[in-house]
Amino acid sequence: MRGKAVIKEGLKSLGALLVIFSIFEALLRVVYPIRNSTVDYVPLPYMSAGDYEPSPPWLDHRRLIKSAPDDP
């Protein structure tokens, strides 16, 4: 009898956790489209050698146009 009670309580806990995660998922699905409709541009800066850059440093080999070096 005790084993069935433990399983029953475990299933109740699992069900409650599933309900909580479902509510959280629904809230995220409502909030993110609202947030995305108010934002035009989200910069994603990458840190490289102490400077922030608009693109990740691992894409350097894919760039077609490279900036001129700072030193003449």
PDB file of N, CA and C in Angstrom:
ATOM      1  N   MET A   1       0.820  -1.200   0.000  1.00  0.00           N
ATOM      2  CA  MET A   1       0.000   0.000   0.000  1.00  0.00           C
ATOM      3  C   MET A   1       0.863   1.263   0.000  1.00  0.00           C
ATOM      4  N   ARG A   2       1.961   1.233   0.733  1.00  0.00           N
ATOM      5  CA  ARG A   2       2.800   2.431   0.852  1.00  0.00           C
ATOM      6  C   ARG A   2       3.425   2.797  -0.493  1.00  0.00           C
ATOM      7  N   GLY A   3       3.792   1.811  -1.273  1.00  0.00           N
ATOM      8  CA  GLY A   3       4.397   2.062  -2.572  1.00  0.00           C
ATOM      9  C   GLY A   3       3.438   2.770  -3.519  1.00  0.00           C
ATOM     10  N   LYS A   4       2.176   2.396  -3.474  1.00  0.00           N
ATOM     11  CA  LYS A   4       1.187   3.044  -4.331  1.00  0.00           C
ATOM     12  C   LYS A   4       0.972   4.496  -3.926  1.00  0.00           C
ATOM     13  N   ALA A   5       1.031   4.772  -2.628  1.00  0.00           N
ATOM     14  CA  ALA A   5       0.855   6.145  -2.151  1.00  0.00           C
ATOM     15  C   ALA A   5       2.021   7.020  -2.604  1.00  0.00           C
ATOM     16  N   VAL A   6       3.223   6.461  -2.565  1.00  0.00           N
ATOM     17  CA  VAL A   6       4.408   7.206  -3.014  1.00  0.00           C
ATOM     18  C   VAL A   6       4.305   7.495  -4.505  1.00  0.00           C
ATOM     19  N   ILE A   7       3.904   6.526  -5.273  1.00  0.00           N
ATOM     20  CA  ILE A   7       3.754   6.714  -6.728  1.00  0.00           C
ATOM     21  C   ILE A   7       2.666   7.742  -7.017  1.00  0.00           C
ATOM     22  N   LYS A   8       1.570   7.665  -6.260  1.00  0.00           N
ATOM     23  CA  LYS A   8       0.476   8.620  -6.466  1.00  0.00           C
ATOM     24  C   LYS A   8       0.920  10.041  -6.157  1.00  0.00           C
ATOM     25  N   GLU A   9       1.663  10.240  -5.069  1.00  0.00           N
ATOM     26  CA  GLU A   9       2.170  11.573  -4.720  1.00  0.00           C
ATOM     27  C   GLU A   9       3.197  12.055  -5.754  1.00  0.00           C
ATOM     28  N   GLY A  10       4.005  11.130  -6.243  1.00  0.00           N
ATOM     29  CA  GLY A  10       4.980  11.477  -7.276  1.00  0.00           C
ATOM     30  C   GLY A  10       4.303  11.934  -8.555  1.00  0.00           C
ATOM     31  N   LEU A  11       3.249  11.248  -8.931  1.00  0.00           N
ATOM     32  CA  LEU A  11       2.506  11.631 -10.134  1.00  0.00           C
ATOM     33  C   LEU A  11       1.805  12.979  -9.957  1.00  0.00           C
ATOM     34  N   LYS A  12       1.304  13.245  -8.746  1.00  0.00           N
ATOM     35  CA  LYS A  12       0.704  14.551  -8.472  1.00  0.00           C
ATOM     36  C   LYS A  12       1.746  15.661  -8.601  1.00  0.00           C
ATOM     37  N   SER A  13       2.920  15.414  -8.050  1.00  0.00           N
ATOM     38  CA  SER A  13       3.993  16.409  -8.139  1.00  0.00           C
ATOM     39  C   SER A  13       4.414  16.634  -9.586  1.00  0.00           C
ATOM     40  N   LEU A  14       4.531  15.551 -10.328  1.00  0.00           N
ATOM     41  CA  LEU A  14       4.901  15.655 -11.739  1.00  0.00           C
ATOM     42  C   LEU A  14       3.835  16.408 -12.528  1.00  0.00           C
ATOM     43  N   GLY A  15       2.568  16.148 -12.234  1.00  0.00           N
ATOM     44  CA  GLY A  15       1.468  16.859 -12.896  1.00  0.00           C
ATOM     45  C   GLY A  15       1.492  18.347 -12.575  1.00  0.00           C
ATOM     46  N   ALA A  16       1.743  18.677 -11.301  1.00  0.00           N
ATOM     47  CA  ALA A  16       1.816  20.093 -10.918  1.00  0.00           C
ATOM     48  C   ALA A  16       2.978  20.784 -11.621  1.00  0.00           C
ATOM     49  N   LEU A  17       4.108  20.095 -11.712  1.00  0.00           N
ATOM     50  CA  LEU A  17       5.271  20.667 -12.401  1.00  0.00           C
ATOM     51  C   LEU A  17       4.970  20.878 -13.881  1.00  0.00           C
ATOM     52  N   LEU A  18       4.274  19.938 -14.479  1.00  0.00           N
ATOM     53  CA  LEU A  18       3.891  20.053 -15.887  1.00  0.00           C
ATOM     54  C   LEU A  18       2.957  21.240 -16.111  1.00  0.00           C
ATOM     55  N   VAL A  19       2.024  21.457 -15.205  1.00  0.00           N
ATOM     56  CA  VAL A  19       1.109  22.595 -15.303  1.00  0.00           C
ATOM     57  C   VAL A  19       1.878  23.905 -15.169  1.00  0.00           C
ATOM     58  N   ILE A  20       2.806  23.981 -14.215  1.00  0.00           N
ATOM     59  CA  ILE A  20       3.599  25.204 -14.015  1.00  0.00           C
ATOM     60  C   ILE A  20       4.429  25.514 -15.257  1.00  0.00           C
ATOM     61  N   PHE A  21       5.099  24.496 -15.812  1.00  0.00           N
ATOM     62  CA  PHE A  21       5.899  24.725 -17.020  1.00  0.00           C
ATOM     63  C   PHE A  21       5.035  25.098 -18.213  1.00  0.00           C
ATOM     64  N   SER A  22       3.844  24.536 -18.304  1.00  0.00           N
ATOM     65  CA  SER A  22       2.935  24.886 -19.404  1.00  0.00           C
ATOM     66  C   SER A  22       2.484  26.344 -19.301  1.00  0.00           C
ATOM     67  N   ILE A  23       2.194  26.785 -18.085  1.00  0.00           N
ATOM     68  CA  ILE A  23       1.808  28.187 -17.894  1.00  0.00           C
ATOM     69  C   ILE A  23       2.971  29.103 -18.244  1.00  0.00           C
ATOM     70  N   PHE A  24       4.173  28.745 -17.820  1.00  0.00           N
ATOM     71  CA  PHE A  24       5.356  29.548 -18.134  1.00  0.00           C
ATOM     72  C   PHE A  24       5.591  29.606 -19.646  1.00  0.00           C
ATOM     73  N   GLU A  25       5.436  28.489 -20.318  1.00  0.00           N
ATOM     74  CA  GLU A  25       5.589  28.443 -21.779  1.00  0.00           C
ATOM     75  C   GLU A  25       4.556  29.336 -22.469  1.00  0.00           C
ATOM     76  N   ALA A  26       3.323  29.284 -22.010  1.00  0.00           N
ATOM     77  CA  ALA A  26       2.269  30.121 -22.598  1.00  0.00           C
ATOM     78  C   ALA A  26       2.571  31.602 -22.390  1.00  0.00           C
ATOM     79  N   LEU A  27       3.050  31.955 -21.209  1.00  0.00           N
ATOM     80  CA  LEU A  27       3.410  33.353 -20.955  1.00  0.00           C
ATOM     81  C   LEU A  27       4.538  33.811 -21.874  1.00  0.00           C
ATOM     82  N   LEU A  28       5.533  32.971 -22.061  1.00  0.00           N
ATOM     83  CA  LEU A  28       6.630  33.332 -22.957  1.00  0.00           C
ATOM     84  C   LEU A  28       6.142  33.499 -24.393  1.00  0.00           C
ATOM     85  N   ARG A  29       5.243  32.649 -24.819  1.00  0.00           N
ATOM     86  CA  ARG A  29       4.717  32.753 -26.185  1.00  0.00           C
ATOM     87  C   ARG A  29       3.883  34.008 -26.391  1.00  0.00           C
ATOM     88  N   VAL A  30       3.352  34.571 -25.324  1.00  0.00           N
ATOM     89  CA  VAL A  30       2.599  35.822 -25.416  1.00  0.00           C
ATOM     90  C   VAL A  30       3.536  37.019 -25.315  1.00  0.00           C
ATOM     91  N   VAL A  31       4.497  36.950 -24.402  1.00  0.00           N
ATOM     92  CA  VAL A  31       5.360  38.102 -24.117  1.00  0.00           C
ATOM     93  C   VAL A  31       6.361  38.368 -25.244  1.00  0.00           C
ATOM     94  N   TYR A  32       6.989  37.337 -25.797  1.00  0.00           N
ATOM     95  CA  TYR A  32       8.026  37.563 -26.800  1.00  0.00           C
ATOM     96  C   TYR A  32       7.520  38.234 -28.076  1.00  0.00           C
ATOM     97  N   PRO A  33       6.380  37.858 -28.640  1.00  0.00           N
ATOM     98  CA  PRO A  33       5.908  38.602 -29.818  1.00  0.00           C
ATOM     99  C   PRO A  33       5.603  40.071 -29.507  1.00  0.00           C
ATOM    100  N   ILE A  34       5.119  40.333 -28.304  1.00  0.00           N
ATOM    101  CA  ILE A  34       4.864  41.730 -27.924  1.00  0.00           C
ATOM    102  C   ILE A  34       6.180  42.485 -27.850  1.00  0.00           C
ATOM    103  N   ARG A  35       7.178  41.887 -27.212  1.00  0.00           N
ATOM    104  CA  ARG A  35       8.490  42.531 -27.115  1.00  0.00           C
ATOM    105  C   ARG A  35       9.116  42.710 -28.500  1.00  0.00           C
ATOM    106  N   ASN A  36       9.038  41.692 -29.339  1.00  0.00           N
ATOM    107  CA  ASN A  36       9.645  41.772 -30.666  1.00  0.00           C
ATOM    108  C   ASN A  36       8.960  42.807 -31.557  1.00  0.00           C
ATOM    109  N   SER A  37       7.692  43.085 -31.322  1.00  0.00           N
ATOM    110  CA  SER A  37       7.003  44.085 -32.138  1.00  0.00           C
ATOM    111  C   SER A  37       7.426  45.503 -31.765  1.00  0.00           C
ATOM    112  N   THR A  38       7.982  45.693 -30.586  1.00  0.00           N
ATOM    113  CA  THR A  38       8.394  47.035 -30.164  1.00  0.00           C
ATOM    114  C   THR A  38       9.871  47.302 -30.410  1.00  0.00           C
ATOM    115  N   VAL A  39      10.641  46.303 -30.805  1.00  0.00           N
ATOM    116  CA  VAL A  39      12.082  46.451 -30.986  1.00  0.00           C
ATOM    117  C   VAL A  39      12.404  46.366 -32.474  1.00  0.00           C
ATOM    118  N   ASP A  40      13.162  47.365 -32.969  1.00  0.00           N
ATOM    119  CA  ASP A  40      13.563  47.347 -34.373  1.00  0.00           C
ATOM    120  C   ASP A  40      14.897  46.649 -34.577  1.00  0.00           C
ATOM    121  N   TYR A  41      15.819  46.832 -33.624  1.00  0.00           N
ATOM    122  CA  TYR A  41      17.178  46.337 -33.818  1.00  0.00           C
ATOM    123  C   TYR A  41      17.727  45.912 -32.466  1.00  0.00           C
ATOM    124  N   VAL A  42      18.279  44.711 -32.398  1.00  0.00           N
ATOM    125  CA  VAL A  42      18.912  44.221 -31.176  1.00  0.00           C
ATOM    126  C   VAL A  42      20.379  43.962 -31.489  1.00  0.00           C
ATOM    127  N   PRO A  43      21.260  44.828 -31.008  1.00  0.00           N
ATOM    128  CA  PRO A  43      22.678  44.607 -31.290  1.00  0.00           C
ATOM    129  C   PRO A  43      23.210  43.412 -30.501  1.00  0.00           C
ATOM    130  N   LEU A  44      24.030  42.648 -31.123  1.00  0.00           N
ATOM    131  CA  LEU A  44      24.671  41.522 -30.466  1.00  0.00           C
ATOM    132  C   LEU A  44      26.178  41.739 -30.493  1.00  0.00           C
ATOM    133  N   PRO A  45      26.693  42.516 -29.572  1.00  0.00           N
ATOM    134  CA  PRO A  45      28.126  42.798 -29.605  1.00  0.00           C
ATOM    135  C   PRO A  45      28.949  41.591 -29.169  1.00  0.00           C
ATOM    136  N   TYR A  46      30.095  41.440 -29.789  1.00  0.00           N
ATOM    137  CA  TYR A  46      31.016  40.378 -29.434  1.00  0.00           C
ATOM    138  C   TYR A  46      32.306  41.029 -28.970  1.00  0.00           C
ATOM    139  N   MET A  47      32.880  40.507 -27.939  1.00  0.00           N
ATOM    140  CA  MET A  47      34.105  41.064 -27.379  1.00  0.00           C
ATOM    141  C   MET A  47      35.286  40.394 -28.055  1.00  0.00           C
ATOM    142  N   SER A  48      36.172  41.198 -28.619  1.00  0.00           N
ATOM    143  CA  SER A  48      37.352  40.673 -29.275  1.00  0.00           C
ATOM    144  C   SER A  48      38.503  41.631 -29.014  1.00  0.00           C
ATOM    145  N   ALA A  49      39.500  41.185 -28.306  1.00  0.00           N
ATOM    146  CA  ALA A  49      40.701  41.980 -28.006  1.00  0.00           C
ATOM    147  C   ALA A  49      40.334  43.281 -27.302  1.00  0.00           C
ATOM    148  N   GLY A  50      39.366  43.250 -26.436  1.00  0.00           N
ATOM    149  CA  GLY A  50      39.003  44.433 -25.670  1.00  0.00           C
ATOM    150  C   GLY A  50      38.073  45.388 -26.392  1.00  0.00           C
ATOM    151  N   ASP A  51      37.722  45.114 -27.639  1.00  0.00           N
ATOM    152  CA  ASP A  51      36.830  45.980 -28.409  1.00  0.00           C
ATOM    153  C   ASP A  51      35.537  45.232 -28.707  1.00  0.00           C
ATOM    154  N   TYR A  52      34.441  45.983 -28.715  1.00  0.00           N
ATOM    155  CA  TYR A  52      33.168  45.383 -29.096  1.00  0.00           C
ATOM    156  C   TYR A  52      33.027  45.457 -30.607  1.00  0.00           C
ATOM    157  N   GLU A  53      32.570  44.370 -31.198  1.00  0.00           N
ATOM    158  CA  GLU A  53      32.377  44.319 -32.645  1.00  0.00           C
ATOM    159  C   GLU A  53      30.945  43.874 -32.929  1.00  0.00           C
ATOM    160  N   PRO A  54      30.387  44.273 -34.078  1.00  0.00           N
ATOM    161  CA  PRO A  54      29.016  43.873 -34.399  1.00  0.00           C
ATOM    162  C   PRO A  54      28.888  42.427 -34.861  1.00  0.00           C
ATOM    163  N   SER A  55      29.991  41.789 -35.207  1.00  0.00           N
ATOM    164  CA  SER A  55      29.922  40.400 -35.652  1.00  0.00           C
ATOM    165  C   SER A  55      30.919  39.565 -34.855  1.00  0.00           C
ATOM    166  N   PRO A  56      30.679  38.279 -34.762  1.00  0.00           N
ATOM    167  CA  PRO A  56      31.572  37.433 -33.977  1.00  0.00           C
ATOM    168  C   PRO A  56      32.954  37.325 -34.609  1.00  0.00           C
ATOM    169  N   PRO A  57      33.986  37.260 -33.796  1.00  0.00           N
ATOM    170  CA  PRO A  57      35.341  37.216 -34.349  1.00  0.00           C
ATOM    171  C   PRO A  57      35.636  35.965 -35.154  1.00  0.00           C
ATOM    172  N   TRP A  58      34.887  34.873 -34.950  1.00  0.00           N
ATOM    173  CA  TRP A  58      35.168  33.652 -35.700  1.00  0.00           C
ATOM    174  C   TRP A  58      34.663  33.732 -37.137  1.00  0.00           C
ATOM    175  N   LEU A  59      33.981  34.836 -37.511  1.00  0.00           N
ATOM    176  CA  LEU A  59      33.552  34.999 -38.900  1.00  0.00           C
ATOM    177  C   LEU A  59      34.539  35.834 -39.717  1.00  0.00           C
ATOM    178  N   ASP A  60      35.694  36.188 -39.141  1.00  0.00           N
ATOM    179  CA  ASP A  60      36.666  37.022 -39.850  1.00  0.00           C
ATOM    180  C   ASP A  60      37.115  36.408 -41.174  1.00  0.00           C
ATOM    181  N   HIS A  61      37.287  35.117 -41.231  1.00  0.00           N
ATOM    182  CA  HIS A  61      37.749  34.492 -42.466  1.00  0.00           C
ATOM    183  C   HIS A  61      36.680  34.487 -43.556  1.00  0.00           C
ATOM    184  N   ARG A  62      35.447  34.804 -43.233  1.00  0.00           N
ATOM    185  CA  ARG A  62      34.363  34.820 -44.221  1.00  0.00           C
ATOM    186  C   ARG A  62      34.085  36.214 -44.773  1.00  0.00           C
ATOM    187  N   ARG A  63      34.735  37.224 -44.261  1.00  0.00           N
ATOM    188  CA  ARG A  63      34.459  38.592 -44.718  1.00  0.00           C
ATOM    189  C   ARG A  63      35.049  38.815 -46.104  1.00  0.00           C
ATOM    190  N   LEU A  64      34.261  39.427 -46.972  1.00  0.00           N
ATOM    191  CA  LEU A  64      34.736  39.739 -48.313  1.00  0.00           C
ATOM    192  C   LEU A  64      35.481  41.064 -48.337  1.00  0.00           C
ATOM    193  N   ILE A  65      35.013  42.028 -47.563  1.00  0.00           N
ATOM    194  CA  ILE A  65      35.644  43.342 -47.510  1.00  0.00           C
ATOM    195  C   ILE A  65      36.260  43.500 -46.128  1.00  0.00           C
ATOM    196  N   LYS A  66      37.557  43.772 -46.119  1.00  0.00           N
ATOM    197  CA  LYS A  66      38.251  43.946 -44.846  1.00  0.00           C
ATOM    198  C   LYS A  66      38.594  45.413 -44.666  1.00  0.00           C
ATOM    199  N   SER A  67      38.513  45.887 -43.435  1.00  0.00           N
ATOM    200  CA  SER A  67      38.844  47.279 -43.166  1.00  0.00           C
ATOM    201  C   SER A  67      40.346  47.480 -43.244  1.00  0.00           C
ATOM    202  N   ALA A  68      40.722  48.711 -43.544  1.00  0.00           N
ATOM    203  CA  ALA A  68      42.137  49.044 -43.644  1.00  0.00           C
ATOM    204  C   ALA A  68      42.765  49.001 -42.258  1.00  0.00           C
ATOM    205  N   PRO A  69      44.032  48.637 -42.180  1.00  0.00           N
ATOM    206  CA  PRO A  69      44.699  48.618 -40.878  1.00  0.00           C
ATOM    207  C   PRO A  69      44.827  50.041 -40.321  1.00  0.00           C
ATOM    208  N   ASP A  70      44.871  50.145 -38.992  1.00  0.00           N
ATOM    209  CA  ASP A  70      44.965  51.458 -38.358  1.00  0.00           C
ATOM    210  C   ASP A  70      46.319  52.122 -38.570  1.00  0.00           C
ATOM    211  N   ASP A  71      47.373  51.328 -38.630  1.00  0.00           N
ATOM    212  CA  ASP A  71      48.727  51.891 -38.821  1.00  0.00           C
ATOM    213  C   ASP A  71      48.993  52.151 -40.302  1.00  0.00           C
ATOM    214  N   PRO A  72      49.539  53.345 -40.634  1.00  0.00           N
ATOM    215  CA  PRO A  72      49.827  53.644 -42.063  1.00  0.00           C
ATOM    216  C   PRO A  72      51.009  52.885 -42.589  1.00  0.00           C
TER     217      PRO A  72
END
